[in-house]
Structure formats: C-alpha cells, structure tokens
Amino acid sequence: EIDATPESLTNLAEYVDWALEKAGNSGRFQRRYIVILTAPWILCGAQTMAHVFTALPTHRQRVCTHQADHCNYGPLADDDCTVLRSEYEFLDPANSVASDFDLVCETSMFVPLLGTLFFLGFLFGCYVLGSYADMRGRRATYLWSVLLVQGGSFLAIIAPTYSAYAVARVITGFGVGGLGLVAYVWTAEVLGPKTRSTLVLTTNSGFAIGVMFLSPLSFVLPQWRHFSVALFLAGLPCMAVYAICMESPKWLASQQQHDQVHRTLCYIAKVNGKHPPPPPIKQTGVSAASPNDRKGGQKAADDV
C-alpha cells in the first residue's frame, strides 16, 4: 500500500514493493528494461532454431569412379543407400552439417538428434542457472548464461566433427535455458503488477523475431559455418546488458542488503522523475530506525 510507512512494513521484501510504487513501477526505467532485456530473447529464438538451418537436407549425385564408356551421372534419392560412398558426392557440402559430416543413410539419425541435444541442455540450464540466479543474483547469472551461449556458438563454428558440434549445441542450449529465464525474471521484478503482463508480449515477440531472422540470414549466408559466425556476432551486444542493468532490488532484498536496495530504488525514482523513497528500516530488535540508519539512508538517496 502506497500510504504505508517504512515503520509499518515487516520485512525488506514488503518495503521493495512499497518503495517501487513510490519510485514508479511503470515509468521510463521500466520501459528501458523491457527493451534492453527483450534483446536476449531474440538471441534465444535464433539459437533455438539454428540447427534447422545448419542441418538442411543433403543433395547427392553420382560420380564416375572407373574408366568406362558410359558414366551414370544424376541425382540420388535421399533414401538410396545402395551406392558406395566413393560413387557419389554432395552438392554444396558446406551448406549443411549433414553433408559436411557425411550424415546420410545409417548415420542420418544423428541430424534430428541435434534438436534433442539442444533441449536436453536447455532443460538442465533452466534448473541449474535458475537455482544459481536465486543464490548469486540476476546479473551474475545473466553473464554466465550469455557466456555459455556465446561459447557454445563459437565452438559450433570451429567444430571439426559431428561430436564436437553436438557438444556445442548442448552448451548453447544450457545457456539459452538460463538466459531466457533470468531475463524474464529480472524484468518482472522491476515492473508493477499491472504492467507485468507486458512481458508475455515482449518476450514472445522477441523470440519470434529471432526465429524470423534466420530465414533471410540463411538465404544470404547459405554455408552453415558462415551462418553460425553471424549468430555468434549477433549475440555479442547481449553481453553489454550486464554492464547496463542494475541488480534486481527484490533479489537484493532477499539477501538483506538494505543499502543496496535503497540505492537501486533511488536510481529508479531518479530515472522516472519521482522523489526517492525513504530508506528501509533495519530490523535490529526495535520497531523504529535509529538516527544513524536514517542518516545513512538519506545519504544514499543524495548520492544517486
């Protein structure tokens, strides 16, 4: 309740909700965070569907392997596994992981396995990095998540074998699982209840934009390694979010970091053009704040 006072709030989490209303929970600061933290969702969408474009179906044709009067040139059907490897070649082998790593006939099952491996990494990423975000904070988890995505993306570029590429997709999926989760929670924790539903639109729109980006990119860069390089470069700006965005005040409250909570909320109020909220009451066994607590809290507001 906005008419409450810090003295009437029983814990730091309640203070954050109250102070966020005073500082503005749907102002310029929140709009800035929505835009900035939608960008990782674009990267998530692109990386999630990347294997669809890097593992396109192969096209093969017969070649002459013996000196003969007649050579039987022509395309091979996808399910024709009666021809020896030495008797056919791939058309544009650099355009697909499947042709680059010779994933046809008995090894063709490894192509759809790439999607399974990605989502296996995604599953563990949501669990591990989600727990890490609660222990170490949203900013630190975001940084680790985007580093994992970029690390997996780079490994995919230089992968010499299918196994290396598959490991790269697992690592990327692990990072994407944490990245989407922490970006959503990070934004939600600075939004008011009435504007929090905006995230349903922005996150899904960002993901869809990332997926839509892949088709024209694949057309311009048909070779799968060049395509992967472009995805890696597209993810680099997302690393700057760590330096731009502040830690979530709600996570700071869960760690009982009173001064940091107040400093963050004062900055939100400043960006939104509001008066800074009064400092929280440190629970030391008495119901009122000491003069030193008040003085220190006011100094934090003045510093912002």
Protein backbone atom coordinates (compact mmCIF):
# COMPACT_ATOMS: atom_id res chain seq x y z
CA GLU A 1 0.00 0.00 0.00
CA ILE A 2 1.45 3.34 -1.04
CA ASP A 3 0.10 5.12 2.07
CA ALA A 4 2.10 2.86 4.34
CA THR A 5 5.33 3.91 6.02
CA PRO A 6 8.65 2.06 6.30
CA GLU A 7 7.98 1.54 10.01
CA SER A 8 4.77 -0.40 9.23
CA LEU A 9 6.47 -2.87 6.90
CA THR A 10 7.56 -6.10 8.49
CA ASN A 11 10.35 -7.14 6.11
CA LEU A 12 12.57 -5.87 3.32
CA ALA A 13 10.57 -7.63 0.57
CA GLU A 14 7.44 -5.69 1.56
CA TYR A 15 9.47 -2.49 1.60
CA VAL A 16 10.63 -3.10 -2.01
CA ASP A 17 7.04 -3.48 -3.24
CA TRP A 18 6.01 -0.34 -1.37
CA ALA A 19 9.04 1.73 -2.40
CA LEU A 20 8.77 0.60 -6.02
CA GLU A 21 5.30 2.13 -6.18
CA LYS A 22 6.70 5.41 -4.91
CA ALA A 23 9.66 5.28 -7.29
CA GLY A 24 7.41 4.37 -10.23
CA ASN A 25 6.75 0.82 -11.39
CA SER A 26 5.73 1.60 -14.98
CA GLY A 27 7.86 4.59 -15.96
CA ARG A 28 10.85 5.31 -18.15
CA PHE A 29 13.11 2.97 -16.18
CA GLN A 30 10.77 0.02 -16.72
CA ARG A 31 10.33 0.77 -20.43
CA ARG A 32 14.11 0.87 -20.79
CA TYR A 33 14.48 -2.51 -19.09
CA ILE A 34 11.75 -4.07 -21.23
CA VAL A 35 13.56 -3.00 -24.41
CA ILE A 36 17.04 -3.98 -23.20
CA LEU A 37 16.04 -7.37 -21.79
CA THR A 38 13.94 -8.29 -24.83
CA ALA A 39 17.15 -8.44 -26.88
CA PRO A 40 18.32 -11.69 -25.17
CA TRP A 41 15.02 -13.28 -26.16
CA ILE A 42 15.77 -12.50 -29.80
CA LEU A 43 19.08 -14.34 -29.39
CA CYS A 44 17.29 -17.22 -27.64
CA GLY A 45 14.84 -17.60 -30.53
CA ALA A 46 17.61 -17.56 -33.12
CA GLN A 47 19.80 -20.09 -31.30
CA THR A 48 16.88 -22.39 -30.51
CA MET A 49 16.02 -22.90 -34.18
CA ALA A 50 19.54 -22.55 -35.60
CA HIS A 51 20.02 -26.30 -36.11
CA VAL A 52 17.07 -26.35 -38.53
CA PHE A 53 19.09 -24.16 -40.91
CA THR A 54 22.55 -25.62 -40.26
CA ALA A 55 21.37 -29.22 -40.82
CA LEU A 56 19.41 -28.81 -44.06
CA PRO A 57 18.70 -31.94 -46.16
CA THR A 58 21.59 -33.07 -48.31
CA HIS A 59 21.67 -33.40 -52.09
CA ARG A 60 23.85 -36.08 -53.69
CA GLN A 61 24.80 -37.05 -57.21
CA ARG A 62 26.63 -39.99 -58.74
CA VAL A 63 30.20 -39.62 -59.93
CA CYS A 64 32.37 -41.66 -62.29
CA THR A 65 34.83 -43.82 -60.38
CA HIS A 66 36.02 -46.12 -63.16
CA GLN A 67 37.22 -45.71 -66.71
CA ALA A 68 34.19 -46.71 -68.73
CA ASP A 69 32.41 -45.84 -71.92
CA HIS A 70 29.35 -44.65 -70.04
CA CYS A 71 29.06 -42.91 -66.67
CA ASN A 72 25.75 -42.87 -64.86
CA TYR A 73 25.58 -39.27 -63.66
CA GLY A 74 22.48 -37.99 -61.92
CA PRO A 75 20.94 -37.08 -58.57
CA LEU A 76 20.49 -39.68 -55.87
CA ALA A 77 17.30 -40.06 -53.87
CA ASP A 78 17.58 -39.31 -50.18
CA ASP A 79 16.69 -42.88 -49.27
CA ASP A 80 19.03 -44.51 -51.81
CA CYS A 81 21.67 -46.20 -49.67
CA THR A 82 22.74 -48.80 -52.20
CA VAL A 83 25.51 -46.65 -53.68
CA LEU A 84 29.01 -46.80 -52.23
CA ARG A 85 30.43 -43.65 -50.68
CA SER A 86 33.06 -43.45 -53.38
CA GLU A 87 30.38 -43.38 -56.09
CA TYR A 88 28.60 -40.18 -55.09
CA GLU A 89 29.38 -36.66 -53.97
CA PHE A 90 27.48 -33.94 -52.15
CA LEU A 91 26.26 -30.85 -53.91
CA ASP A 92 27.29 -27.77 -51.92
CA PRO A 93 28.66 -29.79 -48.98
CA ALA A 94 29.45 -26.64 -46.95
CA ASN A 95 25.76 -25.72 -46.81
CA SER A 96 24.78 -28.32 -44.24
CA VAL A 97 26.16 -30.11 -41.22
CA ALA A 98 24.68 -33.30 -42.64
CA SER A 99 26.78 -33.17 -45.80
CA ASP A 100 29.87 -31.73 -44.12
CA PHE A 101 29.95 -34.60 -41.61
CA ASP A 102 28.54 -37.21 -44.04
CA LEU A 103 25.31 -37.84 -42.10
CA VAL A 104 23.36 -39.92 -44.59
CA CYS A 105 21.78 -43.37 -44.64
CA GLU A 106 22.70 -45.22 -41.43
CA THR A 107 24.07 -42.04 -39.80
CA SER A 108 21.17 -39.80 -40.83
CA MET A 109 19.56 -40.34 -37.40
CA PHE A 110 22.14 -38.00 -35.89
CA VAL A 111 20.69 -35.00 -37.72
CA PRO A 112 17.36 -34.77 -35.79
CA LEU A 113 19.28 -35.71 -32.64
CA LEU A 114 20.77 -32.20 -32.66
CA GLY A 115 17.42 -30.73 -31.66
CA THR A 116 17.03 -33.26 -28.85
CA LEU A 117 20.50 -32.49 -27.52
CA PHE A 118 19.85 -28.76 -27.59
CA PHE A 119 16.69 -29.11 -25.50
CA LEU A 120 18.43 -31.50 -23.14
CA GLY A 121 20.93 -28.74 -22.43
CA PHE A 122 18.02 -26.29 -22.19
CA LEU A 123 16.35 -28.46 -19.53
CA PHE A 124 19.43 -28.59 -17.32
CA GLY A 125 20.17 -24.90 -17.97
CA CYS A 126 16.77 -23.84 -16.63
CA TYR A 127 17.27 -25.88 -13.47
CA VAL A 128 20.94 -25.14 -12.74
CA LEU A 129 21.06 -21.48 -13.77
CA GLY A 130 17.62 -20.81 -12.29
CA SER A 131 18.91 -22.01 -8.91
CA TYR A 132 22.14 -20.06 -9.40
CA ALA A 133 20.11 -16.88 -10.04
CA ASP A 134 18.49 -17.24 -6.62
CA MET A 135 21.84 -17.79 -4.92
CA ARG A 136 24.13 -15.35 -6.75
CA GLY A 137 21.82 -12.80 -8.30
CA ARG A 138 20.27 -11.99 -11.65
CA ARG A 139 23.23 -10.05 -13.06
CA ALA A 140 25.82 -12.75 -12.39
CA THR A 141 23.56 -15.46 -13.78
CA TYR A 142 22.82 -13.40 -16.86
CA LEU A 143 26.53 -13.01 -17.52
CA TRP A 144 27.22 -16.73 -17.15
CA SER A 145 24.24 -17.58 -19.36
CA VAL A 146 25.25 -15.32 -22.22
CA LEU A 147 28.86 -16.52 -21.96
CA LEU A 148 27.67 -20.11 -22.28
CA VAL A 149 25.52 -19.23 -25.30
CA GLN A 150 28.39 -17.43 -26.97
CA GLY A 151 30.89 -20.11 -26.01
CA GLY A 152 28.70 -22.84 -27.48
CA SER A 153 28.11 -20.74 -30.58
CA PHE A 154 31.86 -20.27 -31.09
CA LEU A 155 32.54 -23.97 -30.58
CA ALA A 156 29.92 -24.74 -33.24
CA ILE A 157 31.79 -22.54 -35.73
CA ILE A 158 35.08 -24.39 -35.32
CA ALA A 159 33.66 -27.88 -34.71
CA PRO A 160 35.80 -30.37 -36.68
CA THR A 161 33.46 -33.34 -36.14
CA TYR A 162 29.80 -34.06 -35.54
CA SER A 163 30.50 -34.92 -31.90
CA ALA A 164 32.08 -31.52 -31.31
CA TYR A 165 29.16 -29.78 -32.97
CA ALA A 166 26.68 -31.79 -30.88
CA VAL A 167 28.50 -30.80 -27.67
CA ALA A 168 28.40 -27.16 -28.82
CA ARG A 169 24.62 -27.37 -29.23
CA VAL A 170 24.24 -28.85 -25.73
CA ILE A 171 26.28 -25.99 -24.26
CA THR A 172 24.30 -23.43 -26.24
CA GLY A 173 21.02 -24.96 -25.08
CA PHE A 174 22.23 -24.89 -21.48
CA GLY A 175 22.97 -21.17 -21.79
CA VAL A 176 19.71 -20.38 -23.59
CA GLY A 177 17.74 -22.10 -20.82
CA GLY A 178 19.26 -19.80 -18.21
CA LEU A 179 19.32 -16.69 -20.41
CA GLY A 180 15.61 -16.61 -21.20
CA LEU A 181 14.68 -17.42 -17.61
CA VAL A 182 16.83 -14.80 -15.92
CA ALA A 183 15.97 -12.09 -18.49
CA TYR A 184 12.27 -12.65 -17.79
CA VAL A 185 12.60 -12.69 -14.00
CA TRP A 186 14.99 -9.72 -13.99
CA THR A 187 12.47 -7.59 -15.88
CA ALA A 188 9.44 -8.82 -13.95
CA GLU A 189 10.99 -7.82 -10.63
CA VAL A 190 11.14 -4.12 -11.54
CA LEU A 191 7.64 -3.98 -13.02
CA GLY A 192 4.44 -3.29 -11.16
CA PRO A 193 1.64 -5.91 -11.06
CA LYS A 194 -0.46 -4.02 -13.62
CA THR A 195 2.31 -3.86 -16.25
CA ARG A 196 3.89 -7.26 -15.64
CA SER A 197 1.64 -8.88 -18.23
CA THR A 198 3.52 -6.83 -20.85
CA LEU A 199 6.28 -9.42 -20.61
CA VAL A 200 4.04 -12.02 -22.24
CA LEU A 201 4.01 -9.87 -25.36
CA THR A 202 7.62 -8.67 -25.36
CA THR A 203 9.32 -11.98 -24.60
CA ASN A 204 7.29 -13.97 -27.12
CA SER A 205 7.67 -11.24 -29.74
CA GLY A 206 11.43 -11.17 -29.18
CA PHE A 207 11.64 -14.95 -29.54
CA ALA A 208 9.57 -14.85 -32.74
CA ILE A 209 11.74 -12.07 -34.21
CA GLY A 210 14.82 -14.19 -33.57
CA VAL A 211 13.27 -17.14 -35.40
CA MET A 212 12.13 -14.93 -38.31
CA PHE A 213 15.65 -13.53 -38.58
CA LEU A 214 17.03 -16.96 -39.52
CA SER A 215 15.34 -17.37 -42.91
CA PRO A 216 16.80 -14.28 -44.61
CA LEU A 217 20.12 -14.91 -42.86
CA SER A 218 20.27 -18.44 -44.24
CA PHE A 219 19.46 -17.11 -47.69
CA VAL A 220 22.29 -14.58 -47.55
CA LEU A 221 24.75 -16.96 -45.87
CA PRO A 222 23.97 -20.48 -47.13
CA GLN A 223 27.15 -22.06 -45.74
CA TRP A 224 26.42 -23.29 -42.25
CA ARG A 225 29.70 -22.10 -40.72
CA HIS A 226 29.22 -18.58 -42.08
CA PHE A 227 25.66 -18.72 -40.78
CA SER A 228 26.98 -19.71 -37.33
CA VAL A 229 29.50 -16.85 -37.37
CA ALA A 230 26.65 -14.40 -37.97
CA LEU A 231 24.73 -15.80 -34.99
CA PHE A 232 27.81 -15.50 -32.80
CA LEU A 233 28.29 -11.85 -33.80
CA ALA A 234 24.59 -11.14 -33.24
CA GLY A 235 24.94 -12.34 -29.66
CA LEU A 236 27.85 -10.08 -28.73
CA PRO A 237 25.72 -6.97 -27.96
CA CYS A 238 23.79 -9.00 -25.38
CA MET A 239 26.94 -9.12 -23.24
CA ALA A 240 26.67 -5.35 -22.72
CA VAL A 241 23.42 -5.83 -20.76
CA TYR A 242 25.47 -6.94 -17.76
CA ALA A 243 27.15 -3.53 -17.61
CA ILE A 244 23.98 -1.53 -18.30
CA CYS A 245 21.43 -3.07 -15.95
CA MET A 246 21.39 -2.95 -12.15
CA GLU A 247 20.79 -5.89 -9.85
CA SER A 248 17.16 -6.68 -9.08
CA PRO A 249 16.03 -4.90 -5.90
CA LYS A 250 13.94 -7.93 -4.96
CA TRP A 251 16.95 -10.22 -5.07
CA LEU A 252 18.93 -7.68 -3.03
CA ALA A 253 16.07 -7.68 -0.52
CA SER A 254 16.25 -11.48 -0.27
CA GLN A 255 19.92 -11.06 0.70
CA GLN A 256 19.07 -8.36 3.28
CA GLN A 257 21.24 -5.77 1.52
CA HIS A 258 19.40 -2.72 2.82
CA ASP A 259 21.72 -0.03 1.49
CA GLN A 260 21.92 -1.54 -2.00
CA VAL A 261 18.13 -1.92 -2.11
CA HIS A 262 17.63 1.73 -1.24
CA ARG A 263 20.31 2.91 -3.65
CA THR A 264 18.73 0.94 -6.51
CA LEU A 265 15.23 2.22 -5.75
CA CYS A 266 16.50 5.79 -5.54
CA TYR A 267 18.04 5.40 -9.00
CA ILE A 268 14.73 4.05 -10.35
CA ALA A 269 12.95 7.07 -8.86
CA LYS A 270 15.51 9.41 -10.43
CA VAL A 271 15.07 7.92 -13.92
CA ASN A 272 11.28 8.01 -13.54
CA GLY A 273 11.30 11.61 -12.29
CA LYS A 274 9.96 10.70 -8.85
CA HIS A 275 11.04 11.61 -5.34
CA PRO A 276 13.34 8.98 -3.80
CA PRO A 277 11.65 6.71 -1.27
CA PRO A 278 12.74 6.86 2.37
CA PRO A 279 15.27 4.24 3.44
CA PRO A 280 14.13 0.85 4.77
CA ILE A 281 14.08 0.12 8.47
CA LYS A 282 16.82 -2.26 9.53
CA GLN A 283 15.32 -4.83 11.87
CA THR A 284 17.55 -4.75 14.94
CA GLY A 285 15.01 -5.71 17.55
CA VAL A 286 13.27 -2.32 17.72
CA SER A 287 10.46 -1.06 15.55
CA ALA A 288 11.94 2.31 14.63
CA ALA A 289 15.04 3.23 12.75
CA SER A 290 17.96 4.75 14.57
CA PRO A 291 19.17 8.24 13.59
CA ASN A 292 22.29 6.70 12.04
CA ASP A 293 20.16 4.41 9.84
CA ARG A 294 18.09 7.38 8.67
CA LYS A 295 21.18 9.46 8.03
CA GLY A 296 22.89 6.69 6.07
CA GLY A 297 19.76 6.03 4.00
CA GLN A 298 19.31 9.68 3.17
CA LYS A 299 22.97 9.88 2.14
CA ALA A 300 22.38 7.03 -0.34
CA ALA A 301 19.47 8.94 -1.85
CA ASP A 302 21.59 12.10 -2.10
CA ASP A 303 24.44 10.13 -3.77
CA VAL A 304 22.07 8.95 -6.50
